[in-house]
Protein backbone atom coordinates (compact mmCIF):
# COMPACT_ATOMS: atom_id res chain seq x y z
CA UNK A 1 260.12 82.02 167.52
CA UNK A 2 263.61 81.27 165.83
CA UNK A 3 264.41 84.74 164.72
CA UNK A 4 265.78 86.85 167.67
CA UNK A 5 265.37 90.18 165.79
CA UNK A 6 261.71 89.51 165.03
CA UNK A 7 261.02 88.16 168.57
CA UNK A 8 262.52 91.29 170.12
CA UNK A 9 260.58 93.55 167.82
CA UNK A 10 257.28 91.86 168.59
CA UNK A 11 257.82 91.91 172.25
CA UNK A 12 258.76 95.62 172.25
CA UNK A 13 256.16 98.11 173.25
CA UNK A 14 256.61 100.20 170.34
CA UNK A 15 257.24 97.30 167.93
CA UNK A 16 260.64 98.91 167.05
CA UNK A 17 259.15 101.89 165.33
CA UNK A 18 261.89 103.87 167.00
CA UNK A 19 264.57 101.89 165.38
CA UNK A 20 263.66 102.70 161.96
CA UNK A 21 265.48 105.93 160.54
CA UNK A 22 265.36 108.07 157.52
CA UNK A 23 264.00 107.66 154.04
CA UNK A 24 265.02 103.90 153.94
CA UNK A 25 263.12 103.29 157.13
CA UNK A 26 259.80 104.73 155.99
CA UNK A 27 257.81 101.55 154.98
CA UNK A 28 259.19 99.59 157.68
CA UNK A 29 258.25 102.32 160.24
CA UNK A 30 254.67 102.30 158.68
CA UNK A 31 254.37 98.48 159.08
CA UNK A 32 255.65 98.61 162.56
CA UNK A 33 253.17 101.33 163.40
CA UNK A 34 250.36 99.05 162.15
CA UNK A 35 251.69 96.17 164.33
CA UNK A 36 251.79 98.55 167.33
CA UNK A 37 248.18 99.94 166.69
CA UNK A 38 246.90 96.38 166.07
CA UNK A 39 248.66 95.03 169.19
CA UNK A 40 250.33 92.21 167.22
CA UNK A 41 252.60 90.39 169.71
CA UNK A 42 254.51 87.09 169.15
CA UNK A 43 251.30 84.82 169.69
CA UNK A 44 249.00 86.75 167.21
CA UNK A 45 252.04 86.97 164.70
CA UNK A 46 252.40 83.29 164.79
CA UNK A 47 248.70 82.82 164.19
CA UNK A 48 248.77 85.17 161.20
CA UNK A 49 252.00 83.46 159.92
CA UNK A 50 250.09 80.03 160.06
CA UNK A 51 247.21 81.60 158.16
CA UNK A 52 249.47 83.13 155.51
CA UNK A 53 251.49 79.96 154.95
CA UNK A 54 248.22 77.81 154.45
CA UNK A 55 246.75 80.24 152.01
CA UNK A 56 247.11 78.67 148.56
CA UNK A 57 247.05 82.25 147.03
CA UNK A 58 250.57 82.84 148.32
CA UNK A 59 251.99 79.81 146.73
CA UNK A 60 253.68 78.03 149.67
CA UNK A 61 253.95 74.47 149.01
CA UNK A 62 252.16 72.42 151.70
CA UNK A 63 255.19 70.47 152.98
CA UNK A 64 257.27 71.07 156.08
CA UNK A 65 260.54 72.22 154.40
CA UNK A 66 258.86 74.85 152.09
CA UNK A 67 256.56 76.10 154.97
CA UNK A 68 259.63 76.23 157.38
CA UNK A 69 261.64 78.26 154.64
CA UNK A 70 258.79 80.76 153.82
CA UNK A 71 258.21 81.35 157.47
CA UNK A 72 261.92 82.17 158.20
CA UNK A 73 262.22 84.19 155.00
CA UNK A 74 258.91 86.25 155.59
CA UNK A 75 259.69 86.80 159.33
CA UNK A 76 263.20 87.94 158.41
CA UNK A 77 261.97 90.45 155.93
CA UNK A 78 259.25 91.64 158.17
CA UNK A 79 261.61 92.52 160.93
CA UNK A 80 264.19 94.48 158.92
CA UNK A 81 264.72 98.07 159.56
CA UNK A 82 264.61 98.85 155.90
CA UNK A 83 261.82 97.37 153.65
CA UNK A 84 260.96 97.35 149.98
CA UNK A 85 257.77 98.22 148.59
CA UNK A 86 257.15 94.54 147.62
CA UNK A 87 257.93 93.42 151.06
CA UNK A 88 255.69 96.10 152.70
CA UNK A 89 252.70 95.00 150.48
CA UNK A 90 253.58 91.27 151.44
CA UNK A 91 253.45 92.43 155.05
CA UNK A 92 250.15 94.24 154.77
CA UNK A 93 248.57 90.94 152.99
CA UNK A 94 250.07 89.05 155.99
CA UNK A 95 247.98 91.37 158.20
CA UNK A 96 244.95 90.48 156.27
CA UNK A 97 244.73 94.13 154.96
CA UNK A 98 242.89 94.12 151.74
CA UNK A 99 242.99 97.73 150.62
CA UNK A 100 245.06 100.67 151.39
CA UNK A 101 244.62 104.47 150.76
CA UNK A 102 247.76 106.41 150.38
CA UNK A 103 247.94 110.17 150.83
CA UNK A 104 251.22 112.23 150.44
CA UNK A 105 251.32 115.81 151.39
CA UNK A 106 254.11 117.78 149.62
CA UNK A 107 255.78 120.74 150.79
CA UNK A 108 257.63 122.86 148.19
CA UNK A 109 260.44 125.51 148.82
CA UNK A 110 258.14 128.33 147.98
CA UNK A 111 255.69 127.32 150.78
CA UNK A 112 253.14 125.71 148.55
CA UNK A 113 251.79 122.47 149.93
CA UNK A 114 249.67 119.70 147.84
CA UNK A 115 248.03 116.30 148.78
CA UNK A 116 248.26 113.51 146.39
CA UNK A 117 245.96 110.49 146.98
CA UNK A 118 245.32 107.05 145.56
CA UNK A 119 244.04 103.73 146.71
CA UNK A 120 245.36 100.21 146.03
CA UNK A 121 243.63 96.79 146.42
CA UNK A 122 245.93 94.37 147.98
CA UNK A 123 243.30 91.35 147.65
CA UNK A 124 240.28 90.91 145.74
CA UNK A 125 237.91 91.26 148.45
CA UNK A 126 234.90 93.55 148.88
CA UNK A 127 235.81 96.41 150.99
CA UNK A 128 233.13 99.03 152.19
CA UNK A 129 233.77 102.46 150.60
CA UNK A 130 234.30 104.77 153.57
CA UNK A 131 235.32 108.39 153.61
CA UNK A 132 235.98 108.45 157.35
CA UNK A 133 239.43 109.06 158.58
CA UNK A 134 241.49 106.82 160.92
CA UNK A 135 240.27 108.79 164.01
CA UNK A 136 236.76 107.42 163.59
CA UNK A 137 237.71 103.69 162.97
CA UNK A 138 236.94 101.36 165.69
CA UNK A 139 239.72 100.33 167.88
CA UNK A 140 241.72 97.06 166.86
CA UNK A 141 241.05 93.89 168.26
CA UNK A 142 244.13 91.89 169.46
CA UNK A 143 243.15 89.17 167.05
CA UNK A 144 243.59 91.14 164.03
CA UNK A 145 239.90 91.71 163.16
CA UNK A 146 237.84 95.00 163.34
CA UNK A 147 234.67 95.27 165.58
CA UNK A 148 232.72 95.63 162.23
CA UNK A 149 233.73 92.21 161.09
CA UNK A 150 232.23 90.54 164.46
CA UNK A 151 228.71 91.59 163.50
CA UNK A 152 228.86 90.51 159.80
CA UNK A 153 229.99 86.90 159.87
CA UNK A 154 226.85 85.97 158.13
CA UNK A 155 227.81 87.37 154.77
CA UNK A 156 228.18 85.31 151.67
CA UNK A 157 231.62 85.30 149.97
């Protein structure tokens, strides 16, 4: 792995979550916490990168120069301690996440609290509708798949 910052992040136990701070580090902190929970190390990251680069949906030309450039640029962007929304979404797609639910709990100076929620499709892919929370999800596999997917390889796409 050519990028030292990326390599160090992927090899660290907490995936560098502790290195992100403040408002500007929020999206990077979220992305890194997903890496940590999914146990994405250098080997798995490399496999995900290869899949991402070969996917025609992401528009990387099928030649060595373009793939090397895209690999370097994406790796560098995903290793930053600050992350834009665009890079965050690209990182989620990179991890093969097809849908996210976002919930924000707001706290007002008068003591009032509210929760605001929305969902966002990242890929055109059928996602089972679930009302369960994160605590009830199956533990992540180190290969980036969920246990549910192992039993459902027979579906038509």
